[in-house]
Amino acid sequence: MHLEYRFAGVGGQGAILAGVIFANAMIRYEGKHAVQSPSYTAAVRGGPTKVDVIVDDDRIIFPRATNINVMLSFHEKSFHAFAVNLAKDVMIVADTDLNPGLKPDEKTYLIPFYRIAKEVMGKVQVANVIALGAIYAVTGIPKEDSIRNAIRDRVPPAFVDLNMKAFDEGIKRIEELLKKR
């Protein structure tokens, strides 16, 4: 298995942390090899950022993504900046509200991460975990227990329950979306 994921957003949205959690789930709980390559622009807050995560059964020799299988986009600015090296059959999971130029299709899944985080969860800081739930619901990778454990590893104990609910909300929203298709 060789997979390449790209988590793209603007500084402060949690795209990098989502990629770190995903990579840790694959390494620590799935026994895979994984590397992550973050990229920041000069503007720390509000500038496009991304992290590429490459996962493989074998040792990874070349740590640069060249054929992205799954792209998570938190913001249209970062989508346009980093929509390169995408596989022909790339799966896109994106925030509906912040990616108005994207249209849903059989490989593009749009849900409003930030609106859900604010209005349903009460904390915009969990939007990235909602997105992780959405990616899991679409791909089935990594195993659910693996990603939950990796979230627990990175989140302060006082916020574990909220983040687990956010993860569940991401899964639920994708399941609802799939029922409508």
C-alpha atoms as a PDB file:
ATOM      1  CA  MET A   1       0.000   0.000   0.000  1.00  0.00           C
ATOM      2  CA  HIS A   2       1.283   3.432  -0.953  1.00  0.00           C
ATOM      3  CA  LEU A   3      -0.967   6.431  -0.236  1.00  0.00           C
ATOM      4  CA  GLU A   4      -0.403  10.160  -0.409  1.00  0.00           C
ATOM      5  CA  TYR A   5      -2.575  12.632   1.489  1.00  0.00           C
ATOM      6  CA  ARG A   6      -2.507  16.424   1.385  1.00  0.00           C
ATOM      7  CA  PHE A   7      -4.006  18.510   4.205  1.00  0.00           C
ATOM      8  CA  ALA A   8      -4.276  22.134   3.039  1.00  0.00           C
ATOM      9  CA  GLY A   9      -5.577  25.232   4.779  1.00  0.00           C
ATOM     10  CA  VAL A  10      -4.553  28.673   5.835  1.00  0.00           C
ATOM     11  CA  GLY A  11      -2.381  29.291   8.880  1.00  0.00           C
ATOM     12  CA  GLY A  12      -4.262  28.704  12.117  1.00  0.00           C
ATOM     13  CA  GLN A  13      -6.930  26.351  10.721  1.00  0.00           C
ATOM     14  CA  GLY A  14      -5.356  23.145  12.012  1.00  0.00           C
ATOM     15  CA  ALA A  15      -4.461  21.530   8.684  1.00  0.00           C
ATOM     16  CA  ILE A  16      -0.926  20.746   9.859  1.00  0.00           C
ATOM     17  CA  LEU A  17      -2.177  19.236  13.128  1.00  0.00           C
ATOM     18  CA  ALA A  18      -4.712  17.102  11.234  1.00  0.00           C
ATOM     19  CA  GLY A  19      -1.862  15.732   9.116  1.00  0.00           C
ATOM     20  CA  VAL A  20       0.269  15.061  12.191  1.00  0.00           C
ATOM     21  CA  ILE A  21      -2.575  13.157  13.866  1.00  0.00           C
ATOM     22  CA  PHE A  22      -3.199  11.157  10.681  1.00  0.00           C
ATOM     23  CA  ALA A  23       0.496  10.280  10.276  1.00  0.00           C
ATOM     24  CA  ASN A  24       0.774   9.266  13.935  1.00  0.00           C
ATOM     25  CA  ALA A  25      -2.266   6.987  13.578  1.00  0.00           C
ATOM     26  CA  MET A  26      -0.653   5.248  10.621  1.00  0.00           C
ATOM     27  CA  ILE A  27       2.761   4.853  12.282  1.00  0.00           C
ATOM     28  CA  ARG A  28       1.895   4.128  15.881  1.00  0.00           C
ATOM     29  CA  TYR A  29      -1.359   2.194  15.536  1.00  0.00           C
ATOM     30  CA  GLU A  30      -1.256   0.728  12.017  1.00  0.00           C
ATOM     31  CA  GLY A  31       2.430  -0.201  11.903  1.00  0.00           C
ATOM     32  CA  LYS A  32       2.959   1.624   8.598  1.00  0.00           C
ATOM     33  CA  HIS A  33       5.812   3.803   7.495  1.00  0.00           C
ATOM     34  CA  ALA A  34       4.838   7.454   7.100  1.00  0.00           C
ATOM     35  CA  VAL A  35       6.494  10.793   6.512  1.00  0.00           C
ATOM     36  CA  GLN A  36       5.034  14.247   6.675  1.00  0.00           C
ATOM     37  CA  SER A  37       6.281  17.292   4.835  1.00  0.00           C
ATOM     38  CA  PRO A  38       4.761  20.579   6.018  1.00  0.00           C
ATOM     39  CA  SER A  39       4.904  23.749   3.972  1.00  0.00           C
ATOM     40  CA  TYR A  40       4.264  27.244   5.258  1.00  0.00           C
ATOM     41  CA  THR A  41       4.104  30.515   3.402  1.00  0.00           C
ATOM     42  CA  ALA A  42       5.586  33.745   4.752  1.00  0.00           C
ATOM     43  CA  ALA A  43       2.256  34.727   6.337  1.00  0.00           C
ATOM     44  CA  VAL A  44       1.933  32.527   9.421  1.00  0.00           C
ATOM     45  CA  ARG A  45      -1.724  33.387  10.083  1.00  0.00           C
ATOM     46  CA  GLY A  46      -3.907  33.472   7.020  1.00  0.00           C
ATOM     47  CA  GLY A  47      -1.298  32.301   4.521  1.00  0.00           C
ATOM     48  CA  PRO A  48      -1.658  28.993   2.671  1.00  0.00           C
ATOM     49  CA  THR A  49      -0.208  25.997   4.522  1.00  0.00           C
ATOM     50  CA  LYS A  50      -0.149  22.301   3.839  1.00  0.00           C
ATOM     51  CA  VAL A  51       1.249  19.059   5.030  1.00  0.00           C
ATOM     52  CA  ASP A  52       1.721  16.069   2.771  1.00  0.00           C
ATOM     53  CA  VAL A  53       1.592  12.667   4.428  1.00  0.00           C
ATOM     54  CA  ILE A  54       2.976   9.676   2.569  1.00  0.00           C
ATOM     55  CA  VAL A  55       2.095   6.234   3.922  1.00  0.00           C
ATOM     56  CA  ASP A  56       3.602   2.950   2.787  1.00  0.00           C
ATOM     57  CA  ASP A  57       4.049  -0.632   3.914  1.00  0.00           C
ATOM     58  CA  ASP A  58       7.758  -0.287   3.162  1.00  0.00           C
ATOM     59  CA  ARG A  59      10.384   2.278   4.029  1.00  0.00           C
ATOM     60  CA  ILE A  60       9.813   5.573   2.233  1.00  0.00           C
ATOM     61  CA  ILE A  61      12.848   6.562   0.209  1.00  0.00           C
ATOM     62  CA  PHE A  62      11.526   9.729  -1.469  1.00  0.00           C
ATOM     63  CA  PRO A  63       9.638  11.920   1.055  1.00  0.00           C
ATOM     64  CA  ARG A  64       7.874  14.198  -1.456  1.00  0.00           C
ATOM     65  CA  ALA A  65       4.301  13.651  -2.601  1.00  0.00           C
ATOM     66  CA  THR A  66       4.019  13.233  -6.351  1.00  0.00           C
ATOM     67  CA  ASN A  67       0.617  11.560  -6.770  1.00  0.00           C
ATOM     68  CA  ILE A  68      -1.863  12.767  -4.110  1.00  0.00           C
ATOM     69  CA  ASN A  69      -4.675  10.256  -3.533  1.00  0.00           C
ATOM     70  CA  VAL A  70      -6.674  12.291  -0.993  1.00  0.00           C
ATOM     71  CA  MET A  71      -6.740  16.067  -0.568  1.00  0.00           C
ATOM     72  CA  LEU A  72      -8.354  17.815   2.373  1.00  0.00           C
ATOM     73  CA  SER A  73      -9.023  21.500   1.746  1.00  0.00           C
ATOM     74  CA  PHE A  74      -9.971  23.835   4.563  1.00  0.00           C
ATOM     75  CA  HIS A  75      -9.879  26.923   2.346  1.00  0.00           C
ATOM     76  CA  GLU A  76     -10.121  27.733  -1.361  1.00  0.00           C
ATOM     77  CA  LYS A  77      -6.949  29.863  -1.206  1.00  0.00           C
ATOM     78  CA  SER A  78      -4.926  26.836  -0.140  1.00  0.00           C
ATOM     79  CA  PHE A  79      -6.761  24.520  -2.537  1.00  0.00           C
ATOM     80  CA  HIS A  80      -5.671  26.652  -5.489  1.00  0.00           C
ATOM     81  CA  ALA A  81      -2.156  27.065  -4.115  1.00  0.00           C
ATOM     82  CA  PHE A  82      -1.629  23.334  -3.557  1.00  0.00           C
ATOM     83  CA  ALA A  83      -3.825  21.488  -6.088  1.00  0.00           C
ATOM     84  CA  VAL A  84      -0.769  20.087  -7.857  1.00  0.00           C
ATOM     85  CA  ASN A  85       0.547  16.548  -8.192  1.00  0.00           C
ATOM     86  CA  LEU A  86      -2.973  15.196  -7.757  1.00  0.00           C
ATOM     87  CA  ALA A  87      -3.755  11.652  -8.896  1.00  0.00           C
ATOM     88  CA  LYS A  88      -6.263  11.364 -11.748  1.00  0.00           C
ATOM     89  CA  ASP A  89      -8.740   9.787  -9.341  1.00  0.00           C
ATOM     90  CA  VAL A  90      -7.958  12.072  -6.378  1.00  0.00           C
ATOM     91  CA  MET A  91     -10.570  12.160  -3.641  1.00  0.00           C
ATOM     92  CA  ILE A  92     -11.263  15.653  -2.311  1.00  0.00           C
ATOM     93  CA  VAL A  93     -12.810  16.414   1.064  1.00  0.00           C
ATOM     94  CA  ALA A  94     -13.384  20.136   1.565  1.00  0.00           C
ATOM     95  CA  ASP A  95     -15.177  22.754   3.622  1.00  0.00           C
ATOM     96  CA  THR A  96     -18.319  23.754   1.730  1.00  0.00           C
ATOM     97  CA  ASP A  97     -18.358  27.357   2.936  1.00  0.00           C
ATOM     98  CA  LEU A  98     -14.665  28.111   2.451  1.00  0.00           C
ATOM     99  CA  ASN A  99     -14.308  26.391  -0.933  1.00  0.00           C
ATOM    100  CA  PRO A 100     -17.190  27.948  -2.885  1.00  0.00           C
ATOM    101  CA  GLY A 101     -15.594  27.135  -6.237  1.00  0.00           C
ATOM    102  CA  LEU A 102     -15.649  23.376  -5.642  1.00  0.00           C
ATOM    103  CA  LYS A 103     -18.656  21.363  -6.752  1.00  0.00           C
ATOM    104  CA  PRO A 104     -19.599  17.974  -5.312  1.00  0.00           C
ATOM    105  CA  ASP A 105     -19.227  14.872  -7.468  1.00  0.00           C
ATOM    106  CA  GLU A 106     -18.446  11.184  -6.961  1.00  0.00           C
ATOM    107  CA  LYS A 107     -14.910  12.042  -5.771  1.00  0.00           C
ATOM    108  CA  THR A 108     -15.513  15.434  -4.114  1.00  0.00           C
ATOM    109  CA  TYR A 109     -17.146  15.570  -0.690  1.00  0.00           C
ATOM    110  CA  LEU A 110     -18.170  18.934   0.714  1.00  0.00           C
ATOM    111  CA  ILE A 111     -19.255  19.565   4.297  1.00  0.00           C
ATOM    112  CA  PRO A 112     -19.078  22.799   6.338  1.00  0.00           C
ATOM    113  CA  PHE A 113     -16.353  21.892   8.873  1.00  0.00           C
ATOM    114  CA  TYR A 114     -16.125  25.342  10.440  1.00  0.00           C
ATOM    115  CA  ARG A 115     -19.864  25.995  10.595  1.00  0.00           C
ATOM    116  CA  ILE A 116     -20.393  22.609  12.277  1.00  0.00           C
ATOM    117  CA  ALA A 117     -17.512  23.271  14.678  1.00  0.00           C
ATOM    118  CA  LYS A 118     -18.955  26.643  15.671  1.00  0.00           C
ATOM    119  CA  GLU A 119     -22.700  25.960  15.660  1.00  0.00           C
ATOM    120  CA  VAL A 120     -22.879  22.293  16.704  1.00  0.00           C
ATOM    121  CA  MET A 121     -19.692  21.714  18.693  1.00  0.00           C
ATOM    122  CA  GLY A 122     -19.316  25.228  20.118  1.00  0.00           C
ATOM    123  CA  LYS A 123     -15.564  25.438  19.347  1.00  0.00           C
ATOM    124  CA  VAL A 124     -14.055  26.243  15.963  1.00  0.00           C
ATOM    125  CA  GLN A 125     -10.829  24.579  17.125  1.00  0.00           C
ATOM    126  CA  VAL A 126     -12.325  21.119  16.434  1.00  0.00           C
ATOM    127  CA  ALA A 127     -12.989  21.753  12.730  1.00  0.00           C
ATOM    128  CA  ASN A 128      -9.846  19.804  11.834  1.00  0.00           C
ATOM    129  CA  VAL A 129     -11.039  16.776  13.819  1.00  0.00           C
ATOM    130  CA  ILE A 130     -14.437  16.979  12.088  1.00  0.00           C
ATOM    131  CA  ALA A 131     -12.451  16.864   8.842  1.00  0.00           C
ATOM    132  CA  LEU A 132     -10.505  13.804  10.050  1.00  0.00           C
ATOM    133  CA  GLY A 133     -13.826  12.085  10.730  1.00  0.00           C
ATOM    134  CA  ALA A 134     -14.962  12.974   7.219  1.00  0.00           C
ATOM    135  CA  ILE A 135     -11.773  11.587   5.656  1.00  0.00           C
ATOM    136  CA  TYR A 136     -12.120   8.404   7.664  1.00  0.00           C
ATOM    137  CA  ALA A 137     -15.775   8.039   6.587  1.00  0.00           C
ATOM    138  CA  VAL A 138     -14.818   8.428   2.923  1.00  0.00           C
ATOM    139  CA  THR A 139     -11.677   6.259   2.851  1.00  0.00           C
ATOM    140  CA  GLY A 140     -11.892   3.878   5.815  1.00  0.00           C
ATOM    141  CA  ILE A 141      -8.236   4.659   6.480  1.00  0.00           C
ATOM    142  CA  PRO A 142      -6.818   4.355   9.057  1.00  0.00           C
ATOM    143  CA  LYS A 143      -8.854   2.029  11.252  1.00  0.00           C
ATOM    144  CA  GLU A 144     -11.271   3.950  13.451  1.00  0.00           C
ATOM    145  CA  ASP A 145      -9.559   2.919  16.695  1.00  0.00           C
ATOM    146  CA  SER A 146      -6.197   4.021  15.295  1.00  0.00           C
ATOM    147  CA  ILE A 147      -7.324   7.548  14.480  1.00  0.00           C
ATOM    148  CA  ARG A 148      -9.218   7.871  17.781  1.00  0.00           C
ATOM    149  CA  ASN A 149      -6.109   6.824  19.706  1.00  0.00           C
ATOM    150  CA  ALA A 150      -3.961   9.283  17.744  1.00  0.00           C
ATOM    151  CA  ILE A 151      -6.433  12.076  18.551  1.00  0.00           C
ATOM    152  CA  ARG A 152      -6.266  11.151  22.250  1.00  0.00           C
ATOM    153  CA  ASP A 153      -2.461  11.276  22.039  1.00  0.00           C
ATOM    154  CA  ARG A 154      -2.467  14.893  20.760  1.00  0.00           C
ATOM    155  CA  VAL A 155      -5.422  16.499  22.555  1.00  0.00           C
ATOM    156  CA  PRO A 156      -5.303  17.780  26.149  1.00  0.00           C
ATOM    157  CA  PRO A 157      -7.303  15.439  28.429  1.00  0.00           C
ATOM    158  CA  ALA A 158      -9.958  18.091  29.133  1.00  0.00           C
ATOM    159  CA  PHE A 159     -10.819  18.205  25.404  1.00  0.00           C
ATOM    160  CA  VAL A 160     -10.760  14.511  24.473  1.00  0.00           C
ATOM    161  CA  ASP A 161     -14.544  14.044  24.739  1.00  0.00           C
ATOM    162  CA  LEU A 162     -15.243  17.125  22.623  1.00  0.00           C
ATOM    163  CA  ASN A 163     -12.791  15.949  19.967  1.00  0.00           C
ATOM    164  CA  MET A 164     -14.302  12.449  19.902  1.00  0.00           C
ATOM    165  CA  LYS A 165     -17.726  14.027  19.357  1.00  0.00           C
ATOM    166  CA  ALA A 166     -16.242  16.183  16.585  1.00  0.00           C
ATOM    167  CA  PHE A 167     -14.759  13.084  14.928  1.00  0.00           C
ATOM    168  CA  ASP A 168     -18.167  11.376  15.146  1.00  0.00           C
ATOM    169  CA  GLU A 169     -19.823  14.462  13.652  1.00  0.00           C
ATOM    170  CA  GLY A 170     -17.510  14.312  10.624  1.00  0.00           C
ATOM    171  CA  ILE A 171     -18.415  10.652  10.075  1.00  0.00           C
ATOM    172  CA  LYS A 172     -22.118  11.388  10.489  1.00  0.00           C
ATOM    173  CA  ARG A 173     -22.065  14.243   7.975  1.00  0.00           C
ATOM    174  CA  ILE A 174     -20.391  12.131   5.299  1.00  0.00           C
ATOM    175  CA  GLU A 175     -22.830   9.276   5.928  1.00  0.00           C
ATOM    176  CA  GLU A 176     -25.728  11.735   5.492  1.00  0.00           C
ATOM    177  CA  LEU A 177     -24.157  13.069   2.311  1.00  0.00           C
ATOM    178  CA  LEU A 178     -23.741   9.558   0.888  1.00  0.00           C
ATOM    179  CA  LYS A 179     -27.401   8.738   1.575  1.00  0.00           C
ATOM    180  CA  LYS A 180     -28.397  11.677  -0.634  1.00  0.00           C
ATOM    181  CA  ARG A 181     -26.250  10.534  -3.576  1.00  0.00           C
END
